[in-house]
Protein backbone atom coordinates (compact mmCIF):
# COMPACT_ATOMS: atom_id res chain seq x y z
CA MET A 1 0.12 -0.14 -0.11
CA LYS A 2 2.77 2.30 1.13
CA ARG A 3 4.36 1.72 -2.76
CA VAL A 4 1.23 2.05 -4.32
CA LEU A 5 0.88 5.46 -2.49
CA LYS A 6 4.53 6.55 -3.26
CA PHE A 7 4.20 6.11 -6.68
CA LEU A 8 0.47 7.99 -6.93
CA PHE A 9 2.41 10.52 -5.31
CA ASN A 10 4.75 10.56 -7.68
CA ALA A 11 2.77 10.47 -10.59
CA ALA A 12 0.82 13.51 -9.26
CA ARG A 13 3.58 15.42 -8.76
CA THR A 14 5.36 14.71 -12.53
CA LEU A 15 1.83 15.40 -13.74
CA SER A 16 1.86 19.07 -11.57
CA LEU A 17 5.22 20.25 -13.02
CA VAL A 18 4.38 18.83 -16.51
CA LEU A 19 0.93 20.78 -16.17
CA VAL A 20 3.12 23.63 -14.91
CA LEU A 21 5.68 24.13 -17.62
CA GLY A 22 2.96 23.49 -20.34
CA LEU A 23 1.20 26.63 -18.83
CA LEU A 24 3.88 28.75 -18.43
CA GLY A 25 5.43 27.47 -22.18
CA LEU A 26 2.00 28.64 -23.36
CA SER A 27 1.42 31.86 -21.93
CA PHE A 28 4.88 32.83 -23.04
CA TYR A 29 3.59 31.51 -27.02
CA LEU A 30 0.36 33.60 -26.77
CA SER A 31 2.53 36.41 -25.35
CA LEU A 32 4.78 36.22 -28.73
CA ASP A 33 1.83 36.16 -30.57
CA GLU A 34 0.04 39.08 -28.84
CA GLN A 35 3.87 40.89 -28.97
CA ARG A 36 3.48 39.35 -33.58
CA GLU A 37 0.27 40.86 -33.66
CA ARG A 38 0.91 44.51 -32.40
CA ASP A 39 4.29 44.56 -34.63
CA PHE A 40 1.49 43.52 -37.70
CA TYR A 41 -0.50 46.29 -36.55
CA GLN A 42 2.05 48.81 -36.11
CA ALA A 43 3.71 47.64 -39.44
CA LEU A 44 0.61 48.12 -41.24
CA GLU A 45 -0.51 51.76 -39.93
CA LYS A 46 2.91 52.84 -41.25
CA TYR A 47 1.93 51.06 -44.70
CA GLU A 48 -1.16 52.32 -44.37
CA ASP A 49 0.25 56.14 -43.90
CA ARG A 50 3.04 55.57 -46.28
CA GLN A 51 0.25 54.66 -49.41
CA ALA A 52 -1.47 57.75 -48.29
CA GLU A 53 1.27 60.03 -48.79
CA PHE A 54 1.67 58.35 -52.34
CA SER A 55 -2.46 58.79 -52.81
CA GLY A 56 -2.20 62.69 -51.35
CA ASP A 57 -2.87 65.30 -53.84
CA ASP A 58 -1.32 66.09 -56.91
CA SER A 59 -0.77 69.34 -56.87
CA ASP A 60 1.70 69.23 -54.30
CA ASP A 61 4.62 68.58 -55.96
CA GLU A 62 7.39 69.11 -52.95
CA MET A 63 4.94 65.90 -50.90
CA GLY A 64 5.10 63.51 -54.03
CA ILE A 65 8.82 63.52 -53.97
CA MET A 66 9.49 62.96 -50.37
CA ALA A 67 7.02 60.42 -50.45
CA ILE A 68 8.63 58.67 -53.19
CA ASP A 69 12.79 59.51 -52.11
CA GLU A 70 11.95 58.62 -47.90
CA PRO A 71 11.62 55.22 -48.00
CA ALA A 72 15.02 55.07 -50.15
CA LEU A 73 17.02 57.73 -47.83
CA SER A 74 15.58 56.22 -44.66
CA ASN A 75 17.54 52.77 -45.56
CA TYR A 76 20.76 54.48 -46.85
CA GLU A 77 21.01 56.52 -43.45
CA ALA A 78 19.94 53.31 -41.55
CA GLN A 79 22.95 50.78 -42.59
CA LYS A 80 26.64 51.17 -41.61
CA VAL A 81 29.58 49.48 -42.77
CA GLN A 82 32.43 48.29 -40.89
CA ILE A 83 35.61 49.55 -42.31
CA PRO A 84 39.10 48.63 -40.56
CA VAL A 85 41.22 51.37 -39.27
CA LYS A 86 44.29 51.00 -37.35
CA GLY A 87 43.58 49.09 -34.09
CA GLY A 88 39.71 48.22 -34.56
CA SER A 89 36.94 49.11 -36.79
CA ALA A 90 34.85 52.36 -37.73
CA TYR A 91 31.47 51.69 -38.12
CA LEU A 92 30.04 54.21 -40.60
CA ARG A 93 26.44 54.97 -42.33
CA PRO A 94 27.31 55.79 -46.04
CA SER A 95 25.22 59.55 -45.80
CA GLN A 96 28.53 60.47 -43.26
CA ILE A 97 31.29 59.87 -45.79
CA MET A 98 31.42 62.92 -48.48
CA TYR A 99 34.62 60.76 -50.46
CA ILE A 100 37.68 58.80 -50.01
CA HIS A 101 40.80 59.49 -51.28
CA ALA A 102 43.32 56.66 -52.37
CA GLY A 103 46.72 56.92 -51.03
CA SER A 104 49.10 55.05 -48.16
CA PRO A 105 46.86 54.95 -45.79
CA VAL A 106 43.43 55.58 -47.94
CA THR A 107 41.52 58.63 -46.53
CA ILE A 108 38.22 58.63 -46.25
CA VAL A 109 37.13 62.50 -45.38
CA MET A 110 33.52 62.43 -43.41
CA ASN A 111 30.56 65.39 -43.73
CA ASN A 112 31.84 66.93 -40.49
CA ASP A 113 35.02 68.15 -41.42
CA SER A 114 36.89 64.83 -39.55
CA THR A 115 39.04 62.47 -41.27
CA ILE A 116 39.50 58.45 -40.70
CA ALA A 117 42.66 56.57 -42.00
CA THR A 118 41.64 53.30 -43.01
CA THR A 119 43.92 50.02 -43.50
CA GLU A 120 41.72 48.71 -46.77
CA SER A 121 41.92 49.79 -50.45
CA LEU A 122 40.14 51.60 -52.80
CA THR A 123 38.74 48.57 -54.63
CA ARG A 124 37.23 46.95 -51.83
CA LEU A 125 35.67 50.00 -49.98
CA ASP A 126 33.82 50.26 -53.31
CA ARG A 127 32.87 46.98 -53.25
CA MET A 128 31.76 47.22 -49.51
CA LEU A 129 29.87 50.70 -50.42
CA GLN A 130 28.51 49.14 -53.75
CA ASP A 131 26.61 46.70 -51.76
CA VAL A 132 25.29 48.80 -49.52
CA ASP A 133 24.04 52.19 -50.78
CA GLY A 134 22.06 51.58 -53.77
CA GLY A 135 23.79 53.71 -56.29
CA TYR A 136 25.20 56.85 -54.63
CA PHE A 137 29.05 56.26 -54.92
CA PHE A 138 31.05 56.48 -57.66
CA ARG A 139 34.77 55.49 -58.92
CA THR A 140 36.87 57.76 -60.68
CA LYS A 141 40.86 56.06 -60.55
CA SER A 142 42.09 57.36 -57.23
CA THR A 143 38.87 58.38 -55.70
CA ILE A 144 35.02 57.33 -54.32
CA LEU A 145 32.83 60.29 -54.37
CA ASN A 146 29.68 60.39 -52.73
CA CYS A 147 27.03 62.09 -55.34
CA SER A 148 25.25 63.40 -52.58
CA TYR A 149 28.05 65.92 -51.59
CA VAL A 150 28.58 66.94 -55.38
CA LEU A 151 28.00 70.95 -55.52
CA GLN A 152 29.14 71.12 -59.32
CA PHE A 153 30.12 69.07 -62.15
CA THR A 154 31.96 71.27 -64.87
CA ARG A 155 33.98 70.70 -67.73
CA GLU A 156 36.71 73.21 -67.16
CA GLY A 157 39.08 74.24 -69.71
CA SER A 158 42.79 75.19 -69.62
CA GLU A 159 45.84 76.45 -72.33
CA TYR A 160 48.94 74.73 -72.04
CA ARG A 161 51.57 75.19 -74.18
CA GLY A 162 49.47 76.75 -77.01
CA ARG A 163 47.20 73.56 -76.85
CA TYR A 164 43.85 74.25 -75.37
CA THR A 165 42.63 71.15 -73.33
CA TYR A 166 39.54 70.14 -70.67
CA GLN A 167 39.26 68.67 -67.59
CA HIS A 168 35.94 67.46 -66.04
CA VAL A 169 35.86 68.24 -62.00
CA ALA A 170 33.53 67.69 -59.32
CA LYS A 171 33.69 69.97 -56.86
CA MET A 172 32.47 68.30 -53.39
CA GLU A 173 30.85 70.49 -50.61
CA ASP A 174 33.93 71.38 -48.82
CA GLY A 175 35.53 72.71 -51.76
CA GLU A 176 37.87 70.09 -52.92
CA GLN A 177 37.89 69.45 -56.08
CA ILE A 178 38.00 65.55 -57.82
CA ASN A 179 39.18 65.37 -61.50
CA VAL A 180 36.92 62.68 -63.46
CA SER A 181 38.67 61.65 -66.95
CA LYS A 182 37.02 61.94 -69.96
CA GLU A 183 35.49 57.75 -70.10
CA LYS A 184 34.26 58.41 -66.72
CA ALA A 185 32.34 61.95 -67.21
CA ASP A 186 29.56 60.97 -68.94
CA GLU A 187 28.62 57.74 -66.91
CA LEU A 188 29.28 60.45 -63.53
CA SER A 189 26.83 63.39 -64.99
CA GLU A 190 24.17 60.69 -66.18
CA LEU A 191 24.50 59.17 -62.60
CA LEU A 192 23.99 63.13 -61.17
CA ASP A 193 21.12 63.37 -62.99
CA ASN A 194 19.25 60.05 -62.38
CA LEU A 195 19.90 61.16 -58.40
CA THR A 196 18.44 64.74 -59.25
CA PHE A 197 15.05 65.36 -59.26
């Protein structure tokens, strides 16, 4: 009889433990479901807000442009690139980078007038930025420039030893002038036109 009672007690104890664990698991699952539902409705609300922006009055051109450009810019500004520097890494948003000059070391010029020296090659940086940014960066022979910071793109002429020659120049917002070869000039001009509204 004692054994039977002990067996029943152990079975009841095990059953109650399984029941408690099951209830905890169920409550956890239900709380996850509630969180997913809240996330879904928040995403739906954002989507409806964005749809309302797109379907707004066509006479308001600025709002139409802002609604079209907003998703691309927010994604562009949110992502970061890990760039190796001496003794560690720099974590930069592409929108922070104004241009990158080749050299020893390669120098990254930021939009806040600071610079970062990196141990990475210009070719590797170009590949990294093309993967992230969606077309804002342009590579010349010795520079990667962020088209968002190009203030002017001009063809300047000069006379040298009796001959008149042209040089294509990208003038950056910080005053830096970056020479662009004739072969690359049309490509940069087309890219700037595509990024302009």
